[in-house]
Amino acid sequence: GQSYQAIKDNLRRDLAINYLSGSTRSIEEIAISLGFADSSAFHRAFKK
């Protein structure tokens, strides 16, 4: 019930949730650390 893209997306999602919950990093810093080009791309992905 998986796909390679879903595995990568879910891992980035889990890392994002833990960064947002357990660190004081800015959203822009988290976006960059997760490989997004900018915070707006991270915003769209996280919303999805």
All heavy atoms as atom14 arrays in JSON, in Angstrom:
{
  "sequence": "GQSYQAIKDNLRRDLAINYLSGSTRSIEEIAISLGFADSSAFHRAFKK",
  "atom14_mask": [
    [1, 1, 1, 1, 0, 0, 0, 0, 0, 0, 0, 0, 0, 0],
    [1, 1, 1, 1, 1, 1, 1, 1, 1, 0, 0, 0, 0, 0],
    [1, 1, 1, 1, 1, 1, 0, 0, 0, 0, 0, 0, 0, 0],
    [1, 1, 1, 1, 1, 1, 1, 1, 1, 1, 1, 1, 0, 0],
    [1, 1, 1, 1, 1, 1, 1, 1, 1, 0, 0, 0, 0, 0],
    [1, 1, 1, 1, 1, 0, 0, 0, 0, 0, 0, 0, 0, 0],
    [1, 1, 1, 1, 1, 1, 1, 1, 0, 0, 0, 0, 0, 0],
    [1, 1, 1, 1, 1, 1, 1, 1, 1, 0, 0, 0, 0, 0],
    [1, 1, 1, 1, 1, 1, 1, 1, 0, 0, 0, 0, 0, 0],
    [1, 1, 1, 1, 1, 1, 1, 1, 0, 0, 0, 0, 0, 0],
    [1, 1, 1, 1, 1, 1, 1, 1, 0, 0, 0, 0, 0, 0],
    [1, 1, 1, 1, 1, 1, 1, 1, 1, 1, 1, 0, 0, 0],
    [1, 1, 1, 1, 1, 1, 1, 1, 1, 1, 1, 0, 0, 0],
    [1, 1, 1, 1, 1, 1, 1, 1, 0, 0, 0, 0, 0, 0],
    [1, 1, 1, 1, 1, 1, 1, 1, 0, 0, 0, 0, 0, 0],
    [1, 1, 1, 1, 1, 0, 0, 0, 0, 0, 0, 0, 0, 0],
    [1, 1, 1, 1, 1, 1, 1, 1, 0, 0, 0, 0, 0, 0],
    [1, 1, 1, 1, 1, 1, 1, 1, 0, 0, 0, 0, 0, 0],
    [1, 1, 1, 1, 1, 1, 1, 1, 1, 1, 1, 1, 0, 0],
    [1, 1, 1, 1, 1, 1, 1, 1, 0, 0, 0, 0, 0, 0],
    [1, 1, 1, 1, 1, 1, 0, 0, 0, 0, 0, 0, 0, 0],
    [1, 1, 1, 1, 0, 0, 0, 0, 0, 0, 0, 0, 0, 0],
    [1, 1, 1, 1, 1, 1, 0, 0, 0, 0, 0, 0, 0, 0],
    [1, 1, 1, 1, 1, 1, 1, 0, 0, 0, 0, 0, 0, 0],
    [1, 1, 1, 1, 1, 1, 1, 1, 1, 1, 1, 0, 0, 0],
    [1, 1, 1, 1, 1, 1, 0, 0, 0, 0, 0, 0, 0, 0],
    [1, 1, 1, 1, 1, 1, 1, 1, 0, 0, 0, 0, 0, 0],
    [1, 1, 1, 1, 1, 1, 1, 1, 1, 0, 0, 0, 0, 0],
    [1, 1, 1, 1, 1, 1, 1, 1, 1, 0, 0, 0, 0, 0],
    [1, 1, 1, 1, 1, 1, 1, 1, 0, 0, 0, 0, 0, 0],
    [1, 1, 1, 1, 1, 0, 0, 0, 0, 0, 0, 0, 0, 0],
    [1, 1, 1, 1, 1, 1, 1, 1, 0, 0, 0, 0, 0, 0],
    [1, 1, 1, 1, 1, 1, 0, 0, 0, 0, 0, 0, 0, 0],
    [1, 1, 1, 1, 1, 1, 1, 1, 0, 0, 0, 0, 0, 0],
    [1, 1, 1, 1, 0, 0, 0, 0, 0, 0, 0, 0, 0, 0],
    [1, 1, 1, 1, 1, 1, 1, 1, 1, 1, 1, 0, 0, 0],
    [1, 1, 1, 1, 1, 0, 0, 0, 0, 0, 0, 0, 0, 0],
    [1, 1, 1, 1, 1, 1, 1, 1, 0, 0, 0, 0, 0, 0],
    [1, 1, 1, 1, 1, 1, 0, 0, 0, 0, 0, 0, 0, 0],
    [1, 1, 1, 1, 1, 1, 0, 0, 0, 0, 0, 0, 0, 0],
    [1, 1, 1, 1, 1, 0, 0, 0, 0, 0, 0, 0, 0, 0],
    [1, 1, 1, 1, 1, 1, 1, 1, 1, 1, 1, 0, 0, 0],
    [1, 1, 1, 1, 1, 1, 1, 1, 1, 1, 0, 0, 0, 0],
    [1, 1, 1, 1, 1, 1, 1, 1, 1, 1, 1, 0, 0, 0],
    [1, 1, 1, 1, 1, 0, 0, 0, 0, 0, 0, 0, 0, 0],
    [1, 1, 1, 1, 1, 1, 1, 1, 1, 1, 1, 0, 0, 0],
    [1, 1, 1, 1, 1, 1, 1, 1, 1, 0, 0, 0, 0, 0],
    [1, 1, 1, 1, 1, 1, 1, 1, 1, 0, 0, 0, 0, 0]
  ],
  "atom14_positions": [
    [[0.81, -1.22, 0.0], [0.0, 0.0, 0.0], [0.84, 1.27, 0.0], [0.38, 2.32, 0.46], [0.0, 0.0, 0.0], [0.0, 0.0, 0.0], [0.0, 0.0, 0.0], [0.0, 0.0, 0.0], [0.0, 0.0, 0.0], [0.0, 0.0, 0.0], [0.0, 0.0, 0.0], [0.0, 0.0, 0.0], [0.0, 0.0, 0.0], [0.0, 0.0, 0.0]],
    [[2.06, 1.17, -0.52], [2.99, 2.28, -0.48], [3.5, 2.61, -1.87], [3.34, 1.82, -2.82], [4.19, 1.92, 0.41], [3.85, 1.69, 1.86], [3.85, 2.99, 2.64], [3.91, 4.08, 2.09], [3.79, 2.88, 3.96], [0.0, 0.0, 0.0], [0.0, 0.0, 0.0], [0.0, 0.0, 0.0], [0.0, 0.0, 0.0], [0.0, 0.0, 0.0]],
    [[4.14, 3.75, -1.98], [4.89, 4.12, -3.18], [6.15, 4.81, -2.69], [6.22, 5.29, -1.56], [4.09, 5.06, -4.08], [3.97, 6.35, -3.48], [0.0, 0.0, 0.0], [0.0, 0.0, 0.0], [0.0, 0.0, 0.0], [0.0, 0.0, 0.0], [0.0, 0.0, 0.0], [0.0, 0.0, 0.0], [0.0, 0.0, 0.0], [0.0, 0.0, 0.0]],
    [[7.16, 4.87, -3.56], [8.42, 5.49, -3.15], [8.22, 6.97, -2.84], [8.74, 7.49, -1.84], [9.47, 5.31, -4.24], [10.84, 5.81, -3.86], [11.47, 5.33, -2.72], [11.51, 6.75, -4.64], [12.74, 5.77, -2.36], [12.78, 7.2, -4.29], [13.39, 6.71, -3.14], [14.64, 7.14, -2.79], [0.0, 0.0, 0.0], [0.0, 0.0, 0.0]],
    [[7.41, 7.64, -3.65], [7.17, 9.06, -3.41], [6.43, 9.26, -2.1], [6.73, 10.18, -1.34], [6.37, 9.66, -4.57], [6.2, 11.19, -4.47], [7.54, 11.9, -4.48], [8.38, 11.65, -5.34], [7.75, 12.8, -3.52], [0.0, 0.0, 0.0], [0.0, 0.0, 0.0], [0.0, 0.0, 0.0], [0.0, 0.0, 0.0], [0.0, 0.0, 0.0]],
    [[5.47, 8.38, -1.79], [4.73, 8.5, -0.54], [5.64, 8.29, 0.66], [5.5, 8.97, 1.69], [3.59, 7.49, -0.51], [0.0, 0.0, 0.0], [0.0, 0.0, 0.0], [0.0, 0.0, 0.0], [0.0, 0.0, 0.0], [0.0, 0.0, 0.0], [0.0, 0.0, 0.0], [0.0, 0.0, 0.0], [0.0, 0.0, 0.0], [0.0, 0.0, 0.0]],
    [[6.59, 7.36, 0.56], [7.54, 7.12, 1.66], [8.35, 8.38, 1.92], [8.53, 8.8, 3.07], [8.46, 5.94, 1.34], [7.65, 4.63, 1.29], [9.58, 5.82, 2.37], [8.43, 3.46, 0.74], [0.0, 0.0, 0.0], [0.0, 0.0, 0.0], [0.0, 0.0, 0.0], [0.0, 0.0, 0.0], [0.0, 0.0, 0.0], [0.0, 0.0, 0.0]],
    [[8.86, 9.0, 0.84], [9.64, 10.22, 1.01], [8.79, 11.35, 1.57], [9.22, 12.08, 2.46], [10.26, 10.63, -0.33], [11.33, 9.67, -0.84], [12.15, 10.27, -1.97], [11.33, 10.47, -3.22], [12.17, 10.96, -4.35], [0.0, 0.0, 0.0], [0.0, 0.0, 0.0], [0.0, 0.0, 0.0], [0.0, 0.0, 0.0], [0.0, 0.0, 0.0]],
    [[7.58, 11.5, 1.04], [6.69, 12.55, 1.53], [6.34, 12.35, 3.0], [6.34, 13.3, 3.79], [5.4, 12.59, 0.71], [5.61, 13.16, -0.69], [6.67, 13.77, -0.93], [4.72, 12.98, -1.54], [0.0, 0.0, 0.0], [0.0, 0.0, 0.0], [0.0, 0.0, 0.0], [0.0, 0.0, 0.0], [0.0, 0.0, 0.0], [0.0, 0.0, 0.0]],
    [[6.04, 11.1, 3.38], [5.66, 10.82, 4.76], [6.82, 11.04, 5.72], [6.63, 11.5, 6.86], [5.14, 9.39, 4.89], [3.79, 9.21, 4.22], [3.1, 10.18, 3.92], [3.42, 7.96, 3.98], [0.0, 0.0, 0.0], [0.0, 0.0, 0.0], [0.0, 0.0, 0.0], [0.0, 0.0, 0.0], [0.0, 0.0, 0.0], [0.0, 0.0, 0.0]],
    [[8.04, 10.72, 5.28], [9.2, 10.96, 6.12], [9.42, 12.45, 6.31], [9.68, 12.92, 7.43], [10.44, 10.3, 5.51], [11.75, 10.5, 6.27], [11.62, 10.1, 7.73], [12.88, 9.71, 5.6], [0.0, 0.0, 0.0], [0.0, 0.0, 0.0], [0.0, 0.0, 0.0], [0.0, 0.0, 0.0], [0.0, 0.0, 0.0], [0.0, 0.0, 0.0]],
    [[9.31, 13.21, 5.23], [9.47, 14.65, 5.35], [8.35, 15.24, 6.21], [8.57, 16.16, 7.01], [9.47, 15.32, 3.96], [10.71, 15.01, 3.18], [11.16, 16.18, 2.31], [10.31, 16.38, 1.16], [10.53, 17.32, 0.24], [11.53, 18.15, 0.35], [9.73, 17.44, -0.79], [0.0, 0.0, 0.0], [0.0, 0.0, 0.0], [0.0, 0.0, 0.0]],
    [[7.14, 14.7, 6.06], [6.01, 15.16, 6.9], [6.3, 14.92, 8.39], [6.12, 15.8, 9.21], [4.75, 14.4, 6.5], [3.52, 14.68, 7.35], [2.54, 13.52, 7.27], [3.11, 12.31, 7.84], [2.68, 11.08, 7.55], [1.72, 10.9, 6.69], [3.24, 10.04, 8.15], [0.0, 0.0, 0.0], [0.0, 0.0, 0.0], [0.0, 0.0, 0.0]],
    [[6.78, 13.71, 8.72], [7.06, 13.39, 10.12], [8.18, 14.27, 10.68], [8.11, 14.74, 11.82], [7.44, 11.92, 10.26], [6.25, 10.99, 10.06], [5.12, 11.5, 9.89], [6.44, 9.76, 10.07], [0.0, 0.0, 0.0], [0.0, 0.0, 0.0], [0.0, 0.0, 0.0], [0.0, 0.0, 0.0], [0.0, 0.0, 0.0], [0.0, 0.0, 0.0]],
    [[9.21, 14.49, 9.87], [10.29, 15.37, 10.31], [9.77, 16.79, 10.51], [10.12, 17.45, 11.5], [11.42, 15.37, 9.26], [12.22, 14.07, 9.14], [13.14, 14.14, 7.92], [13.02, 13.8, 10.4], [0.0, 0.0, 0.0], [0.0, 0.0, 0.0], [0.0, 0.0, 0.0], [0.0, 0.0, 0.0], [0.0, 0.0, 0.0], [0.0, 0.0, 0.0]],
    [[8.92, 17.25, 9.62], [8.37, 18.6, 9.73], [7.54, 18.75, 11.0], [7.67, 19.74, 11.73], [7.52, 18.92, 8.5], [0.0, 0.0, 0.0], [0.0, 0.0, 0.0], [0.0, 0.0, 0.0], [0.0, 0.0, 0.0], [0.0, 0.0, 0.0], [0.0, 0.0, 0.0], [0.0, 0.0, 0.0], [0.0, 0.0, 0.0], [0.0, 0.0, 0.0]],
    [[6.68, 17.77, 11.27], [5.83, 17.84, 12.46], [6.67, 17.87, 13.72], [6.41, 18.65, 14.65], [4.85, 16.64, 12.49], [3.78, 16.83, 11.4], [4.18, 16.51, 13.86], [2.88, 15.62, 11.22], [0.0, 0.0, 0.0], [0.0, 0.0, 0.0], [0.0, 0.0, 0.0], [0.0, 0.0, 0.0], [0.0, 0.0, 0.0], [0.0, 0.0, 0.0]],
    [[7.72, 17.06, 13.76], [8.58, 17.05, 14.94], [9.4, 18.32, 15.07], [9.62, 18.81, 16.17], [9.47, 15.81, 14.92], [8.75, 14.57, 15.4], [8.53, 14.38, 16.59], [8.34, 13.71, 14.46], [0.0, 0.0, 0.0], [0.0, 0.0, 0.0], [0.0, 0.0, 0.0], [0.0, 0.0, 0.0], [0.0, 0.0, 0.0], [0.0, 0.0, 0.0]],
    [[9.85, 18.88, 13.94], [10.58, 20.15, 14.0], [9.67, 21.27, 14.5], [10.08, 22.08, 15.33], [11.12, 20.53, 12.62], [12.27, 19.68, 12.12], [12.52, 19.53, 10.75], [13.11, 19.01, 13.01], [13.57, 18.76, 10.29], [14.17, 18.23, 12.55], [14.38, 18.1, 11.19], [15.42, 17.33, 10.73], [0.0, 0.0, 0.0], [0.0, 0.0, 0.0]],
    [[8.44, 21.3, 14.0], [7.49, 22.34, 14.4], [7.09, 22.19, 15.86], [6.82, 23.16, 16.56], [6.25, 22.31, 13.51], [6.44, 22.78, 12.07], [5.22, 22.4, 11.22], [6.66, 24.29, 12.03], [0.0, 0.0, 0.0], [0.0, 0.0, 0.0], [0.0, 0.0, 0.0], [0.0, 0.0, 0.0], [0.0, 0.0, 0.0], [0.0, 0.0, 0.0]],
    [[7.05, 20.93, 16.33], [6.6, 20.67, 17.69], [7.71, 20.76, 18.71], [7.47, 21.11, 19.86], [5.97, 19.27, 17.77], [4.92, 19.12, 16.85], [0.0, 0.0, 0.0], [0.0, 0.0, 0.0], [0.0, 0.0, 0.0], [0.0, 0.0, 0.0], [0.0, 0.0, 0.0], [0.0, 0.0, 0.0], [0.0, 0.0, 0.0], [0.0, 0.0, 0.0]],
    [[8.94, 20.43, 18.3], [10.0, 20.28, 19.29], [11.2, 21.17, 19.11], [12.26, 20.9, 19.68], [0.0, 0.0, 0.0], [0.0, 0.0, 0.0], [0.0, 0.0, 0.0], [0.0, 0.0, 0.0], [0.0, 0.0, 0.0], [0.0, 0.0, 0.0], [0.0, 0.0, 0.0], [0.0, 0.0, 0.0], [0.0, 0.0, 0.0], [0.0, 0.0, 0.0]],
    [[11.09, 22.23, 18.29], [12.23, 23.13, 18.12], [11.75, 24.55, 17.95], [10.56, 24.8, 17.72], [13.06, 22.71, 16.89], [12.44, 23.14, 15.7], [0.0, 0.0, 0.0], [0.0, 0.0, 0.0], [0.0, 0.0, 0.0], [0.0, 0.0, 0.0], [0.0, 0.0, 0.0], [0.0, 0.0, 0.0], [0.0, 0.0, 0.0], [0.0, 0.0, 0.0]],
    [[12.68, 25.48, 18.08], [12.34, 26.89, 17.91], [12.78, 27.4, 16.54], [12.78, 28.6, 16.3], [13.01, 27.73, 19.01], [14.43, 27.52, 18.97], [12.47, 27.35, 20.39], [0.0, 0.0, 0.0], [0.0, 0.0, 0.0], [0.0, 0.0, 0.0], [0.0, 0.0, 0.0], [0.0, 0.0, 0.0], [0.0, 0.0, 0.0], [0.0, 0.0, 0.0]],
    [[13.15, 26.48, 15.65], [13.56, 26.91, 14.31], [12.42, 27.66, 13.63], [11.25, 27.35, 13.81], [13.9, 25.7, 13.44], [15.06, 24.87, 13.89], [15.42, 23.89, 12.78], [16.06, 22.68, 13.26], [16.48, 21.71, 12.48], [16.3, 21.8, 11.17], [17.06, 20.65, 12.99], [0.0, 0.0, 0.0], [0.0, 0.0, 0.0], [0.0, 0.0, 0.0]],
    [[12.8, 28.62, 12.82], [11.79, 29.33, 12.04], [11.25, 28.41, 10.95], [11.89, 27.42, 10.58], [12.39, 30.59, 11.4], [13.31, 30.22, 10.37], [0.0, 0.0, 0.0], [0.0, 0.0, 0.0], [0.0, 0.0, 0.0], [0.0, 0.0, 0.0], [0.0, 0.0, 0.0], [0.0, 0.0, 0.0], [0.0, 0.0, 0.0], [0.0, 0.0, 0.0]],
    [[10.08, 28.75, 10.44], [9.48, 27.94, 9.38], [10.37, 27.93, 8.15], [10.52, 26.91, 7.47], [8.06, 28.45, 9.07], [7.13, 28.15, 10.25], [7.52, 27.83, 7.77], [5.74, 28.7, 10.1], [0.0, 0.0, 0.0], [0.0, 0.0, 0.0], [0.0, 0.0, 0.0], [0.0, 0.0, 0.0], [0.0, 0.0, 0.0], [0.0, 0.0, 0.0]],
    [[11.01, 29.05, 7.87], [11.91, 29.12, 6.71], [13.1, 28.19, 6.91], [13.5, 27.48, 5.97], [12.39, 30.56, 6.5], [13.24, 30.71, 5.25], [13.58, 32.17, 4.95], [13.22, 33.03, 5.76], [14.22, 32.41, 3.91], [0.0, 0.0, 0.0], [0.0, 0.0, 0.0], [0.0, 0.0, 0.0], [0.0, 0.0, 0.0], [0.0, 0.0, 0.0]],
    [[13.65, 28.16, 8.12], [14.78, 27.27, 8.4], [14.37, 25.81, 8.25], [15.12, 24.98, 7.71], [15.3, 27.52, 9.82], [16.06, 28.82, 9.98], [16.42, 29.09, 11.43], [15.63, 28.73, 12.33], [17.5, 29.65, 11.67], [0.0, 0.0, 0.0], [0.0, 0.0, 0.0], [0.0, 0.0, 0.0], [0.0, 0.0, 0.0], [0.0, 0.0, 0.0]],
    [[13.18, 25.48, 8.75], [12.69, 24.11, 8.62], [12.49, 23.75, 7.16], [12.85, 22.65, 6.72], [11.36, 23.95, 9.41], [11.63, 24.08, 10.91], [10.72, 22.58, 9.11], [10.38, 24.09, 11.76], [0.0, 0.0, 0.0], [0.0, 0.0, 0.0], [0.0, 0.0, 0.0], [0.0, 0.0, 0.0], [0.0, 0.0, 0.0], [0.0, 0.0, 0.0]],
    [[11.92, 24.67, 6.39], [11.7, 24.43, 4.96], [13.01, 24.11, 4.25], [13.09, 23.15, 3.48], [11.02, 25.65, 4.33], [0.0, 0.0, 0.0], [0.0, 0.0, 0.0], [0.0, 0.0, 0.0], [0.0, 0.0, 0.0], [0.0, 0.0, 0.0], [0.0, 0.0, 0.0], [0.0, 0.0, 0.0], [0.0, 0.0, 0.0], [0.0, 0.0, 0.0]],
    [[14.03, 24.89, 4.54], [15.34, 24.68, 3.89], [15.94, 23.34, 4.32], [16.47, 22.58, 3.5], [16.29, 25.84, 4.24], [15.79, 27.14, 3.58], [17.71, 25.52, 3.76], [16.56, 28.37, 4.02], [0.0, 0.0, 0.0], [0.0, 0.0, 0.0], [0.0, 0.0, 0.0], [0.0, 0.0, 0.0], [0.0, 0.0, 0.0], [0.0, 0.0, 0.0]],
    [[15.83, 23.03, 5.63], [16.41, 21.77, 6.12], [15.71, 20.56, 5.54], [16.3, 19.47, 5.44], [16.32, 21.72, 7.65], [14.99, 21.58, 8.09], [0.0, 0.0, 0.0], [0.0, 0.0, 0.0], [0.0, 0.0, 0.0], [0.0, 0.0, 0.0], [0.0, 0.0, 0.0], [0.0, 0.0, 0.0], [0.0, 0.0, 0.0], [0.0, 0.0, 0.0]],
    [[14.46, 20.73, 5.11], [13.71, 19.63, 4.51], [13.82, 19.6, 3.0], [13.14, 18.81, 2.33], [12.23, 19.72, 4.92], [11.95, 19.46, 6.41], [10.46, 19.7, 6.72], [12.34, 18.04, 6.79], [0.0, 0.0, 0.0], [0.0, 0.0, 0.0], [0.0, 0.0, 0.0], [0.0, 0.0, 0.0], [0.0, 0.0, 0.0], [0.0, 0.0, 0.0]],
    [[14.65, 20.46, 2.45], [14.92, 20.41, 1.02], [13.98, 21.2, 0.14], [13.99, 21.02, -1.08], [0.0, 0.0, 0.0], [0.0, 0.0, 0.0], [0.0, 0.0, 0.0], [0.0, 0.0, 0.0], [0.0, 0.0, 0.0], [0.0, 0.0, 0.0], [0.0, 0.0, 0.0], [0.0, 0.0, 0.0], [0.0, 0.0, 0.0], [0.0, 0.0, 0.0]],
    [[13.17, 22.09, 0.74], [12.27, 22.91, -0.07], [12.99, 24.15, -0.56], [13.85, 24.7, 0.14], [11.02, 23.3, 0.74], [10.1, 22.15, 1.01], [10.19, 21.43, 2.18], [9.13, 21.77, 0.07], [9.35, 20.36, 2.44], [8.29, 20.71, 0.31], [8.41, 20.0, 1.5], [0.0, 0.0, 0.0], [0.0, 0.0, 0.0], [0.0, 0.0, 0.0]],
    [[12.6, 24.61, -1.73], [13.26, 25.78, -2.32], [12.96, 27.03, -1.51], [13.81, 27.92, -1.39], [12.8, 25.97, -3.76], [0.0, 0.0, 0.0], [0.0, 0.0, 0.0], [0.0, 0.0, 0.0], [0.0, 0.0, 0.0], [0.0, 0.0, 0.0], [0.0, 0.0, 0.0], [0.0, 0.0, 0.0], [0.0, 0.0, 0.0], [0.0, 0.0, 0.0]],
    [[11.77, 27.12, -0.96], [11.39, 28.28, -0.15], [10.25, 27.89, 0.78], [9.69, 26.79, 0.69], [10.98, 29.47, -1.03], [9.92, 29.09, -2.07], [8.93, 28.43, -1.68], [10.1, 29.43, -3.25], [0.0, 0.0, 0.0], [0.0, 0.0, 0.0], [0.0, 0.0, 0.0], [0.0, 0.0, 0.0], [0.0, 0.0, 0.0], [0.0, 0.0, 0.0]],
    [[9.89, 28.8, 1.68], [8.86, 28.5, 2.68], [7.48, 28.33, 2.05], [6.64, 27.6, 2.59], [8.82, 29.6, 3.73], [8.61, 30.87, 3.14], [0.0, 0.0, 0.0], [0.0, 0.0, 0.0], [0.0, 0.0, 0.0], [0.0, 0.0, 0.0], [0.0, 0.0, 0.0], [0.0, 0.0, 0.0], [0.0, 0.0, 0.0], [0.0, 0.0, 0.0]],
    [[7.23, 28.98, 0.92], [5.91, 28.85, 0.28], [5.71, 27.42, -0.25], [4.6, 26.87, -0.16], [5.74, 29.87, -0.84], [6.72, 29.67, -1.85], [0.0, 0.0, 0.0], [0.0, 0.0, 0.0], [0.0, 0.0, 0.0], [0.0, 0.0, 0.0], [0.0, 0.0, 0.0], [0.0, 0.0, 0.0], [0.0, 0.0, 0.0], [0.0, 0.0, 0.0]],
    [[6.76, 26.81, -0.79], [6.66, 25.43, -1.26], [6.43, 24.48, -0.09], [5.64, 23.53, -0.17], [7.93, 25.04, -2.02], [0.0, 0.0, 0.0], [0.0, 0.0, 0.0], [0.0, 0.0, 0.0], [0.0, 0.0, 0.0], [0.0, 0.0, 0.0], [0.0, 0.0, 0.0], [0.0, 0.0, 0.0], [0.0, 0.0, 0.0], [0.0, 0.0, 0.0]],
    [[7.11, 24.76, 1.01], [6.91, 23.97, 2.22], [5.48, 24.14, 2.73], [4.83, 23.17, 3.15], [7.92, 24.41, 3.28], [7.73, 23.75, 4.62], [7.56, 22.38, 4.74], [7.75, 24.52, 5.79], [7.4, 21.78, 5.99], [7.59, 23.93, 7.03], [7.4, 22.56, 7.12], [0.0, 0.0, 0.0], [0.0, 0.0, 0.0], [0.0, 0.0, 0.0]],
    [[4.98, 25.37, 2.7], [3.61, 25.67, 3.12], [2.62, 24.83, 2.34], [1.71, 24.2, 2.91], [3.34, 27.17, 2.92], [1.98, 27.61, 3.35], [0.83, 27.33, 2.63], [1.58, 28.31, 4.44], [-0.21, 27.85, 3.23], [0.2, 28.45, 4.34], [0.0, 0.0, 0.0], [0.0, 0.0, 0.0], [0.0, 0.0, 0.0], [0.0, 0.0, 0.0]],
    [[2.77, 24.79, 1.02], [1.82, 24.03, 0.17], [1.9, 22.54, 0.47], [0.87, 21.85, 0.56], [2.13, 24.3, -1.31], [1.78, 25.7, -1.77], [1.82, 25.81, -3.29], [3.16, 25.54, -3.83], [4.09, 26.49, -3.96], [3.85, 27.74, -3.6], [5.28, 26.19, -4.47], [0.0, 0.0, 0.0], [0.0, 0.0, 0.0], [0.0, 0.0, 0.0]],
    [[3.12, 22.02, 0.61], [3.28, 20.59, 0.87], [2.7, 20.21, 2.23], [2.0, 19.2, 2.36], [4.76, 20.22, 0.8], [0.0, 0.0, 0.0], [0.0, 0.0, 0.0], [0.0, 0.0, 0.0], [0.0, 0.0, 0.0], [0.0, 0.0, 0.0], [0.0, 0.0, 0.0], [0.0, 0.0, 0.0], [0.0, 0.0, 0.0], [0.0, 0.0, 0.0]],
    [[2.97, 21.01, 3.26], [2.5, 20.69, 4.61], [0.98, 20.75, 4.67], [0.33, 19.92, 5.33], [3.11, 21.67, 5.62], [2.98, 21.22, 7.05], [3.9, 20.35, 7.6], [1.93, 21.66, 7.84], [3.79, 19.92, 8.91], [1.8, 21.24, 9.16], [2.74, 20.37, 9.7], [0.0, 0.0, 0.0], [0.0, 0.0, 0.0], [0.0, 0.0, 0.0]],
    [[0.4, 21.71, 3.96], [-1.06, 21.83, 3.9], [-1.66, 20.59, 3.25], [-2.69, 20.06, 3.7], [-1.44, 23.07, 3.09], [-2.93, 23.35, 3.02], [-3.35, 24.33, 4.07], [-4.78, 24.74, 3.9], [-5.23, 25.66, 4.97], [0.0, 0.0, 0.0], [0.0, 0.0, 0.0], [0.0, 0.0, 0.0], [0.0, 0.0, 0.0], [0.0, 0.0, 0.0]],
    [[-1.01, 20.08, 2.23], [-1.47, 18.87, 1.55], [-1.35, 17.66, 2.47], [-2.23, 16.81, 2.51], [-0.66, 18.66, 0.27], [-1.05, 17.41, -0.51], [-0.19, 17.26, -1.76], [-0.53, 15.99, -2.52], [0.35, 15.82, -3.71], [0.0, 0.0, 0.0], [0.0, 0.0, 0.0], [0.0, 0.0, 0.0], [0.0, 0.0, 0.0], [0.0, 0.0, 0.0]]
  ]
}
